[in-house]
Amino acid sequence: MIHVGYRKDEEQVSQPKRKLKLGVFIAGTGHHVASWRHPNAVPDAAMNLDYFKQLAKKAEEGKLDLLFLADSLSINQTSHPNVLTRFEPLTLLSSIAESTSTIGLAATASTTYSEPFHIARQFASLDHLSGGRAAWNVVTSSIEETAKNFSGEEHLAHHKRYERAEEFVEVVKGLWDSWEEDALVRNKETGEFFESSKLHELQHKGEFFSVRGPLNVSRTPQGQPVIIQAGSSEDGQKLAAKTAELIFTAQNDLDKAKEFYQSLKGKVEAAGRAREDVSIMPGIFPIIADTEEEAQAKYEELQELIVPEIGLSILQNYLGGIDLSQYPLDGPLPEIDPSTSNAVKSRFDLVMNMARKDNLTIRQLYQSVAGSRGHNIFIGTPQQLADVMETWLREEAADGFNVMPPLLPEGLDVFVDRVVPILQERGLFKTDYTGQTLRENLGLTEPKNRYTT
């Protein structure tokens, strides 16, 4: 849904007790598929280390909680220019860690095409290198072609991917507990480097994995890196309720976002956890200017840069690879059987709902999806964006947002310089970091080591 402007209810005067959690989702030249064609775009953004470091510093200047990087393991001729060539995210964040001091560093890693020991080791290393700021975005990989880069022909079925993911996370968290916090005594006098009773083998044997352990990285500054989950299907919500601490989701309608929020929080409680243990942070795609008219003009400028074939290809991917070329672009979307798709279930449903609710043509739908990938598009002024964020927080549609600037660095600069001060003025967002680790700044407790008595 596109929000052009917003008017806050005049009666909403009391300050909320909760504060927003805010991340920025960094993607090359920006999240709009045609951002690379914009005159202000940095041509080599996706492979420019200094550029990423400057973005990270700007986000930290705005006291944002975390910087978020996505990833994928396959590309094709119609892939988003930001992903055709890009840094491996953990490598990039390790470098960014040296240029920042407090902002969280979140990277995506697949449970379908990785091994738990590797992921546990890499994120534990990042947590040490950053002084306790690492977060793992757990994904199952949705692109069918990825299997062909990993000696396979067929992508694991959706449900099986999530069964594997649940066991994968269980193993990783077990490996992170290998060393108790005070295990490394390093006593030069006695020759005792570590206390053997405080080093533990996992000895995991399950359906998908057999992992002995222990991990060869000591207990991390946060105890364990923060777990993020980015799937909103039923399988994704089940995994999130059991394991995640932050949820990144695509929600573009306030009422549906409130339903999702209450449903997921209920699942969290059913899994034996407290509601506040998990924060829900929808993506928001903000086009910001001094007036609504200027913001709309900025949006239309980007939309006009979309190459039709690319936009159509992106839409087809979200709909499970269906060929839409046989249908008129200015006609309605045909009926599609969801059972035929092995793609992201939640995104399939979201795109279909967008088409039906707003009676969008195929052209209008691919323009919307290609720009924001189904996330909430906001068009308006800084004040109006703050109003939207306040409403979603108050009405329990979100605990915060993952900001997805359509064009970088401009979109991040405007958000930090113009929107964050309004949120701080209203008491909706912190004026400074409250701790050094990501857990401290998010108000999350440190997980106890399962072996510590």
Protein backbone atom coordinates (compact mmCIF):
# COMPACT_ATOMS: atom_id res chain seq x y z
CA MET A 1 0.00 0.00 0.00
CA ILE A 2 1.23 3.50 -0.79
CA HIS A 3 0.70 6.12 1.91
CA VAL A 4 0.72 9.58 0.31
CA GLY A 5 0.99 11.81 3.34
CA TYR A 6 -0.65 11.14 6.67
CA ARG A 7 -2.64 13.05 9.25
CA LYS A 8 -2.14 12.16 12.89
CA ASP A 9 -5.22 11.96 15.11
CA GLU A 10 -5.33 15.22 17.07
CA GLU A 11 -6.45 13.34 20.19
CA GLN A 12 -3.28 11.23 20.34
CA VAL A 13 -1.43 13.30 22.91
CA SER A 14 -0.16 10.88 25.58
CA GLN A 15 3.42 9.67 25.23
CA PRO A 16 3.80 5.94 24.59
CA LYS A 17 5.83 3.98 27.13
CA ARG A 18 7.53 1.98 24.40
CA LYS A 19 10.18 3.38 22.11
CA LEU A 20 10.74 2.48 18.48
CA LYS A 21 13.50 0.13 17.44
CA LEU A 22 14.99 1.26 14.13
CA GLY A 23 17.27 -0.45 11.67
CA VAL A 24 18.43 0.54 8.23
CA PHE A 25 18.46 -2.02 5.44
CA ILE A 26 21.44 -1.12 3.24
CA ALA A 27 21.36 -2.23 -0.40
CA GLY A 28 23.79 -0.78 -2.93
CA THR A 29 22.36 2.30 -4.60
CA GLY A 30 19.04 1.91 -2.75
CA HIS A 31 16.08 -0.43 -2.61
CA HIS A 32 14.30 0.85 -5.69
CA VAL A 33 15.12 -1.48 -8.56
CA ALA A 34 15.98 1.47 -10.81
CA SER A 35 17.91 3.47 -8.19
CA TRP A 36 21.17 2.76 -10.03
CA ARG A 37 19.89 4.82 -12.99
CA HIS A 38 19.24 7.91 -10.87
CA PRO A 39 21.64 10.84 -11.48
CA ASN A 40 22.59 10.96 -7.78
CA ALA A 41 23.38 7.24 -7.47
CA VAL A 42 26.96 6.10 -6.79
CA PRO A 43 27.73 3.87 -9.82
CA ASP A 44 29.82 1.23 -8.02
CA ALA A 45 27.92 1.39 -4.72
CA ALA A 46 27.44 -2.36 -4.25
CA MET A 47 31.22 -2.98 -4.34
CA ASN A 48 32.48 0.25 -2.73
CA LEU A 49 33.79 -0.30 0.80
CA ASP A 50 34.27 3.39 1.63
CA TYR A 51 30.67 4.05 0.56
CA PHE A 52 29.35 1.36 2.94
CA LYS A 53 31.47 2.71 5.77
CA GLN A 54 30.04 6.18 5.28
CA LEU A 55 26.49 4.82 5.30
CA ALA A 56 27.22 2.94 8.52
CA LYS A 57 28.66 6.05 10.17
CA LYS A 58 25.59 8.06 9.14
CA ALA A 59 23.27 5.41 10.59
CA GLU A 60 25.27 5.42 13.82
CA GLU A 61 25.09 9.21 13.92
CA GLY A 62 21.30 8.81 13.93
CA LYS A 63 21.55 6.30 16.84
CA LEU A 64 19.86 3.61 14.73
CA ASP A 65 19.88 0.21 16.40
CA LEU A 66 21.30 -1.83 13.57
CA LEU A 67 22.53 -1.94 10.01
CA PHE A 68 21.00 -4.83 8.09
CA LEU A 69 22.43 -6.62 5.03
CA ALA A 70 20.56 -9.14 2.91
CA ASP A 71 22.16 -11.83 0.80
CA SER A 72 21.41 -14.32 -1.97
CA LEU A 73 23.34 -17.22 -3.41
CA SER A 74 22.33 -17.08 -7.07
CA ILE A 75 21.75 -14.48 -9.75
CA ASN A 76 20.43 -14.35 -13.29
CA GLN A 77 20.15 -11.89 -16.17
CA THR A 78 17.23 -10.02 -14.58
CA SER A 79 18.49 -9.83 -10.99
CA HIS A 80 18.39 -6.48 -9.18
CA PRO A 81 21.57 -4.55 -10.09
CA ASN A 82 22.41 -4.31 -6.38
CA VAL A 83 22.80 -8.09 -6.15
CA LEU A 84 24.48 -8.88 -9.47
CA THR A 85 27.83 -8.18 -7.80
CA ARG A 86 28.13 -7.45 -4.08
CA PHE A 87 30.20 -8.19 -1.01
CA GLU A 88 29.64 -11.29 1.07
CA PRO A 89 27.87 -9.69 4.08
CA LEU A 90 29.90 -11.12 6.98
CA THR A 91 33.14 -10.05 5.32
CA LEU A 92 31.74 -6.57 4.74
CA LEU A 93 30.42 -6.20 8.29
CA SER A 94 33.77 -7.27 9.74
CA SER A 95 35.33 -4.30 7.95
CA ILE A 96 32.50 -1.93 8.90
CA ALA A 97 32.97 -2.97 12.55
CA GLU A 98 36.30 -1.12 12.55
CA SER A 99 34.68 2.12 11.37
CA THR A 100 31.82 2.10 13.90
CA SER A 101 31.55 1.61 17.64
CA THR A 102 27.95 0.96 18.70
CA ILE A 103 25.50 0.26 15.88
CA GLY A 104 24.39 -3.38 15.50
CA LEU A 105 25.63 -5.34 12.49
CA ALA A 106 23.13 -7.80 11.01
CA ALA A 107 23.89 -10.22 8.17
CA THR A 108 21.76 -12.74 6.32
CA ALA A 109 22.90 -16.36 6.09
CA SER A 110 21.00 -19.30 4.65
CA THR A 111 20.13 -22.43 6.62
CA THR A 112 19.47 -24.34 3.39
CA TYR A 113 22.89 -23.88 1.81
CA SER A 114 25.19 -23.62 4.83
CA GLU A 115 26.39 -25.81 7.68
CA PRO A 116 25.66 -24.93 11.33
CA PHE A 117 29.31 -25.10 12.42
CA HIS A 118 30.36 -22.55 9.78
CA ILE A 119 27.55 -20.13 10.66
CA ALA A 120 28.12 -20.46 14.41
CA ARG A 121 31.82 -19.77 13.95
CA GLN A 122 31.39 -16.83 11.57
CA PHE A 123 28.83 -14.96 13.65
CA ALA A 124 30.66 -15.65 16.91
CA SER A 125 33.79 -14.19 15.27
CA LEU A 126 31.87 -11.10 14.11
CA ASP A 127 30.49 -10.64 17.62
CA HIS A 128 34.03 -10.65 19.03
CA LEU A 129 35.41 -8.39 16.30
CA SER A 130 32.61 -5.85 16.80
CA GLY A 131 32.56 -5.90 20.59
CA GLY A 132 29.15 -7.57 20.83
CA ARG A 133 27.16 -6.14 17.93
CA ALA A 134 26.46 -9.14 15.68
CA ALA A 135 23.05 -10.38 14.55
CA TRP A 136 22.16 -13.31 12.29
CA ASN A 137 19.20 -12.97 9.93
CA VAL A 138 17.98 -16.54 9.51
CA VAL A 139 16.64 -17.31 6.02
CA THR A 140 15.85 -20.53 4.18
CA SER A 141 16.59 -19.23 0.63
CA SER A 142 13.63 -18.85 -1.70
CA ILE A 143 15.17 -18.79 -5.18
CA GLU A 144 14.77 -22.13 -6.95
CA GLU A 145 17.92 -21.71 -9.05
CA THR A 146 20.11 -21.57 -5.94
CA ALA A 147 20.18 -25.38 -5.75
CA LYS A 148 22.17 -25.47 -8.98
CA ASN A 149 25.02 -23.57 -7.31
CA PHE A 150 25.22 -26.23 -4.61
CA SER A 151 25.37 -29.47 -6.59
CA GLY A 152 21.60 -29.88 -6.71
CA GLU A 153 18.81 -29.63 -9.25
CA GLU A 154 15.76 -29.09 -7.04
CA HIS A 155 15.17 -26.64 -4.22
CA LEU A 156 14.14 -28.25 -0.93
CA ALA A 157 10.36 -27.95 -0.45
CA HIS A 158 9.15 -24.97 1.59
CA HIS A 159 8.07 -26.95 4.66
CA LYS A 160 11.26 -29.03 4.66
CA ARG A 161 13.38 -25.89 4.41
CA TYR A 162 11.82 -24.66 7.64
CA GLU A 163 12.20 -28.01 9.40
CA ARG A 164 15.88 -27.90 8.48
CA ALA A 165 16.09 -24.26 9.62
CA GLU A 166 14.65 -25.04 13.05
CA GLU A 167 17.20 -27.77 13.67
CA PHE A 168 19.95 -25.59 12.17
CA VAL A 169 19.29 -22.76 14.64
CA GLU A 170 19.12 -25.24 17.51
CA VAL A 171 22.58 -26.57 16.59
CA VAL A 172 24.09 -23.10 16.15
CA LYS A 173 22.83 -21.92 19.53
CA GLY A 174 24.16 -25.11 21.09
CA LEU A 175 27.59 -24.50 19.57
CA TRP A 176 27.57 -20.92 20.88
CA ASP A 177 27.32 -22.44 24.38
CA SER A 178 30.45 -24.59 23.86
CA TRP A 179 32.56 -22.40 26.14
CA GLU A 180 31.34 -21.12 29.46
CA GLU A 181 32.19 -17.49 30.03
CA ASP A 182 35.07 -18.06 32.47
CA ALA A 183 36.41 -21.24 30.87
CA LEU A 184 39.66 -19.70 29.58
CA VAL A 185 41.79 -19.27 32.70
CA ARG A 186 45.16 -18.95 30.86
CA ASN A 187 47.18 -19.65 34.01
CA LYS A 188 50.85 -19.36 33.04
CA GLU A 189 52.04 -20.58 36.43
CA THR A 190 50.14 -23.89 36.42
CA GLY A 191 50.05 -24.42 32.68
CA GLU A 192 46.26 -24.61 32.70
CA PHE A 193 44.96 -22.78 29.62
CA PHE A 194 41.28 -23.62 30.14
CA GLU A 195 39.11 -25.33 32.72
CA SER A 196 38.17 -28.60 31.06
CA SER A 197 34.84 -28.89 32.89
CA LYS A 198 33.70 -25.65 31.23
CA LEU A 199 34.24 -26.75 27.63
CA HIS A 200 31.36 -28.78 26.21
CA GLU A 201 30.74 -31.02 23.22
CA LEU A 202 27.26 -30.66 21.74
CA GLN A 203 26.91 -34.24 20.46
CA HIS A 204 23.87 -33.34 18.33
CA LYS A 205 22.27 -36.00 16.15
CA GLY A 206 19.09 -35.02 14.33
CA GLU A 207 17.19 -35.45 11.08
CA PHE A 208 19.40 -33.07 9.10
CA PHE A 209 22.61 -32.64 11.10
CA SER A 210 25.14 -34.57 13.14
CA VAL A 211 27.47 -32.16 14.96
CA ARG A 212 29.84 -33.10 17.75
CA GLY A 213 31.34 -29.70 18.66
CA PRO A 214 32.72 -27.88 20.53
CA LEU A 215 33.00 -24.59 18.65
CA ASN A 216 36.51 -23.17 18.31
CA VAL A 217 35.44 -19.62 19.26
CA SER A 218 35.03 -18.58 22.90
CA ARG A 219 31.83 -17.27 24.48
CA THR A 220 30.94 -14.00 22.72
CA PRO A 221 30.50 -10.53 24.28
CA GLN A 222 26.70 -10.81 23.94
CA GLY A 223 26.60 -14.40 25.13
CA GLN A 224 25.08 -15.17 21.75
CA PRO A 225 24.55 -12.98 18.67
CA VAL A 226 20.99 -11.67 18.22
CA ILE A 227 18.71 -13.85 16.09
CA ILE A 228 16.60 -12.21 13.37
CA GLN A 229 14.02 -14.05 11.28
CA ALA A 230 12.64 -12.73 8.02
CA GLY A 231 9.87 -15.13 7.00
CA SER A 232 6.20 -14.33 7.55
CA SER A 233 4.57 -17.54 6.31
CA GLU A 234 3.05 -19.93 8.86
CA ASP A 235 6.28 -21.94 8.84
CA GLY A 236 8.29 -18.75 9.19
CA GLN A 237 6.19 -17.51 12.11
CA LYS A 238 6.54 -20.86 13.87
CA LEU A 239 10.33 -20.67 13.55
CA ALA A 240 10.33 -17.03 14.68
CA ALA A 241 8.17 -17.72 17.73
CA LYS A 242 10.61 -20.37 18.93
CA THR A 243 13.96 -18.80 18.07
CA ALA A 244 13.95 -15.16 16.91
CA GLU A 245 14.44 -11.92 18.82
CA LEU A 246 13.75 -9.55 15.92
CA ILE A 247 11.27 -10.17 13.10
CA PHE A 248 11.74 -8.47 9.75
CA THR A 249 8.45 -8.63 7.85
CA ALA A 250 6.67 -7.07 4.86
CA GLN A 251 3.42 -5.42 5.99
CA ASN A 252 1.79 -2.69 3.94
CA ASP A 253 -1.63 -2.37 5.58
CA LEU A 254 -2.17 -1.17 9.16
CA ASP A 255 -5.03 -3.52 9.99
CA LYS A 256 -3.27 -6.58 8.54
CA ALA A 257 -0.08 -5.57 10.33
CA LYS A 258 -2.00 -5.46 13.63
CA GLU A 259 -3.39 -8.94 12.95
CA PHE A 260 0.09 -10.25 12.15
CA TYR A 261 1.51 -8.60 15.28
CA GLN A 262 -1.07 -10.11 17.62
CA SER A 263 -0.89 -13.51 15.92
CA LEU A 264 2.89 -13.72 16.15
CA LYS A 265 3.03 -12.42 19.72
CA GLY A 266 0.50 -15.12 20.61
CA LYS A 267 2.72 -17.75 19.02
CA VAL A 268 5.68 -16.40 21.01
CA GLU A 269 3.74 -16.87 24.26
CA ALA A 270 2.61 -20.33 23.17
CA ALA A 271 6.28 -21.21 22.70
CA GLY A 272 6.89 -20.36 26.37
CA ARG A 273 8.45 -16.95 25.81
CA ALA A 274 7.41 -13.43 26.84
CA ARG A 275 5.86 -11.13 24.22
CA GLU A 276 8.59 -8.55 24.75
CA ASP A 277 11.27 -11.15 23.95
CA VAL A 278 10.49 -10.59 20.26
CA SER A 279 10.33 -7.25 18.42
CA ILE A 280 8.44 -6.99 15.12
CA MET A 281 10.02 -4.57 12.63
CA PRO A 282 8.24 -4.22 9.26
CA GLY A 283 10.15 -2.80 6.33
CA ILE A 284 9.23 0.74 5.31
CA PHE A 285 10.20 2.31 1.97
CA PRO A 286 10.12 6.10 2.55
CA ILE A 287 10.05 8.79 -0.13
CA ILE A 288 10.57 11.98 1.90
CA ALA A 289 10.47 15.63 0.85
CA ASP A 290 9.37 19.03 2.20
CA THR A 291 5.91 18.66 0.65
CA GLU A 292 3.70 15.78 -0.46
CA GLU A 293 3.88 17.05 -4.03
CA GLU A 294 7.69 17.02 -4.03
CA ALA A 295 7.74 13.54 -2.50
CA GLN A 296 5.31 12.25 -5.13
CA ALA A 297 7.47 13.75 -7.88
CA LYS A 298 10.55 11.98 -6.43
CA TYR A 299 8.68 8.68 -6.41
CA GLU A 300 7.43 9.08 -9.99
CA GLU A 301 10.95 9.96 -11.14
CA LEU A 302 12.19 6.62 -9.83
CA GLN A 303 9.19 4.71 -11.19
CA GLU A 304 9.80 6.04 -14.68
CA LEU A 305 13.30 4.53 -14.60
CA ILE A 306 12.01 0.94 -14.22
CA VAL A 307 12.77 -1.21 -17.26
CA PRO A 308 9.47 -3.08 -17.96
CA GLU A 309 11.14 -6.45 -18.58
CA ILE A 310 12.97 -6.24 -15.25
CA GLY A 311 9.85 -5.20 -13.35
CA LEU A 312 7.86 -8.05 -14.86
CA SER A 313 10.59 -10.55 -14.06
CA ILE A 314 10.65 -9.49 -10.39
CA LEU A 315 6.88 -9.84 -10.15
CA GLN A 316 7.01 -13.29 -11.76
CA ASN A 317 9.62 -14.43 -9.22
CA TYR A 318 7.36 -13.44 -6.33
CA LEU A 319 4.52 -15.37 -7.94
CA GLY A 320 6.48 -18.59 -8.20
CA GLY A 321 7.93 -18.14 -11.68
CA ILE A 322 4.65 -17.92 -13.60
CA ASP A 323 5.01 -16.52 -17.15
CA LEU A 324 2.97 -13.31 -17.37
CA SER A 325 4.18 -12.31 -20.84
CA GLN A 326 1.09 -13.84 -22.44
CA TYR A 327 -1.21 -11.45 -20.56
CA PRO A 328 -1.80 -7.75 -21.37
CA LEU A 329 0.28 -5.51 -19.08
CA ASP A 330 -2.65 -3.15 -18.59
CA GLY A 331 -5.03 -5.98 -17.76
CA PRO A 332 -5.69 -7.71 -14.42
CA LEU A 333 -3.50 -10.35 -12.83
CA PRO A 334 -4.74 -13.86 -13.71
CA GLU A 335 -5.80 -16.35 -11.05
CA ILE A 336 -2.79 -18.30 -9.77
CA ASP A 337 -2.90 -21.47 -7.71
CA PRO A 338 -0.68 -20.83 -4.64
CA SER A 339 0.04 -24.55 -4.28
CA THR A 340 2.09 -24.42 -7.50
CA SER A 341 4.64 -22.02 -5.94
CA ASN A 342 7.72 -23.05 -3.94
CA ALA A 343 8.76 -19.40 -3.48
CA VAL A 344 8.26 -17.18 -0.42
CA LYS A 345 4.69 -17.98 0.67
CA SER A 346 4.12 -14.78 2.64
CA ARG A 347 5.32 -12.59 -0.25
CA PHE A 348 3.15 -14.52 -2.73
CA ASP A 349 0.08 -13.83 -0.56
CA LEU A 350 1.03 -10.19 -0.04
CA VAL A 351 1.43 -9.50 -3.77
CA MET A 352 -1.84 -11.25 -4.62
CA ASN A 353 -3.66 -9.26 -1.94
CA MET A 354 -2.20 -6.00 -3.28
CA ALA A 355 -3.48 -6.83 -6.76
CA ARG A 356 -6.98 -7.73 -5.59
CA LYS A 357 -7.47 -5.01 -2.97
CA ASP A 358 -6.41 -2.10 -5.19
CA ASN A 359 -7.53 -3.60 -8.55
CA LEU A 360 -4.03 -3.19 -9.93
CA THR A 361 -3.08 -4.05 -13.49
CA ILE A 362 -0.03 -6.22 -14.10
CA ARG A 363 1.93 -3.07 -15.02
CA GLN A 364 0.85 -1.21 -11.86
CA LEU A 365 1.63 -4.26 -9.75
CA TYR A 366 5.14 -4.81 -11.10
CA GLN A 367 5.87 -1.08 -10.74
CA SER A 368 4.89 -1.23 -7.08
CA VAL A 369 6.62 -4.54 -6.34
CA ALA A 370 9.76 -3.75 -8.35
CA GLY A 371 10.18 -0.54 -6.41
CA SER A 372 9.64 -1.78 -2.85
CA ARG A 373 9.42 -5.58 -3.16
CA GLY A 374 6.06 -5.52 -1.42
CA HIS A 375 7.11 -3.42 1.56
CA ASN A 376 5.18 -0.43 2.86
CA ILE A 377 5.70 2.56 0.55
CA PHE A 378 5.44 5.94 2.27
CA ILE A 379 5.33 9.20 0.30
CA GLY A 380 5.25 12.46 2.24
CA THR A 381 7.00 14.81 4.64
CA PRO A 382 9.27 13.99 7.62
CA GLN A 383 6.48 14.98 10.00
CA GLN A 384 4.00 12.69 8.26
CA LEU A 385 6.42 9.76 8.33
CA ALA A 386 6.91 10.26 12.07
CA ASP A 387 3.10 10.24 12.41
CA VAL A 388 2.87 6.90 10.60
CA MET A 389 5.58 5.35 12.73
CA GLU A 390 3.94 6.64 15.92
CA THR A 391 0.56 5.23 14.92
CA TRP A 392 1.96 1.79 14.10
CA LEU A 393 3.77 1.73 17.45
CA ARG A 394 0.75 2.91 19.45
CA GLU A 395 -1.69 0.56 17.77
CA GLU A 396 0.62 -2.44 18.17
CA ALA A 397 1.21 -3.01 14.50
CA ALA A 398 4.99 -2.80 15.03
CA ASP A 399 7.71 -2.45 17.63
CA GLY A 400 9.89 -0.58 15.18
CA PHE A 401 10.88 -0.46 11.53
CA ASN A 402 13.60 -1.58 9.18
CA VAL A 403 14.04 1.51 7.01
CA MET A 404 14.62 0.73 3.33
CA PRO A 405 15.79 3.93 1.57
CA PRO A 406 14.77 3.84 -2.11
CA LEU A 407 17.85 5.85 -3.08
CA LEU A 408 21.15 5.91 -1.20
CA PRO A 409 22.86 7.78 0.33
CA GLU A 410 20.18 10.48 -0.03
CA GLY A 411 17.38 8.48 1.59
CA LEU A 412 19.41 7.65 4.71
CA ASP A 413 20.66 11.22 5.06
CA VAL A 414 17.12 12.61 4.97
CA PHE A 415 15.83 10.04 7.44
CA VAL A 416 18.62 10.64 9.96
CA ASP A 417 18.68 14.43 9.59
CA ARG A 418 14.94 15.13 9.28
CA VAL A 419 12.89 12.23 10.71
CA VAL A 420 14.95 10.96 13.66
CA PRO A 421 14.94 14.36 15.45
CA ILE A 422 11.12 14.46 15.29
CA LEU A 423 10.87 10.95 16.73
CA GLN A 424 13.32 11.90 19.50
CA GLU A 425 11.39 15.10 20.25
CA ARG A 426 8.22 13.06 20.73
CA GLY A 427 9.96 10.60 23.05
CA LEU A 428 9.50 7.81 20.48
CA PHE A 429 13.18 7.10 19.89
CA LYS A 430 16.32 7.24 22.02
CA THR A 431 18.61 10.25 21.94
CA ASP A 432 21.71 8.12 22.56
CA TYR A 433 22.79 4.51 22.82
CA THR A 434 22.23 3.03 26.27
CA GLY A 435 24.88 0.31 26.05
CA GLN A 436 27.75 -1.06 24.03
CA THR A 437 26.31 -4.35 22.77
CA LEU A 438 23.38 -4.76 20.41
CA ARG A 439 21.48 -6.70 23.08
CA GLU A 440 21.90 -3.86 25.54
CA ASN A 441 20.67 -1.28 23.05
CA LEU A 442 17.67 -3.41 22.08
CA GLY A 443 16.79 -4.16 25.71
CA LEU A 444 17.35 -7.90 25.22
CA THR A 445 18.62 -10.15 27.97
CA GLU A 446 21.80 -12.13 27.50
CA PRO A 447 21.03 -15.84 26.98
CA LYS A 448 22.28 -18.04 29.78
CA ASN A 449 24.77 -20.72 28.87
CA ARG A 450 22.90 -24.04 29.10
CA TYR A 451 25.82 -25.66 30.92
CA THR A 452 26.41 -22.99 33.55
CA THR A 453 25.09 -23.87 37.01
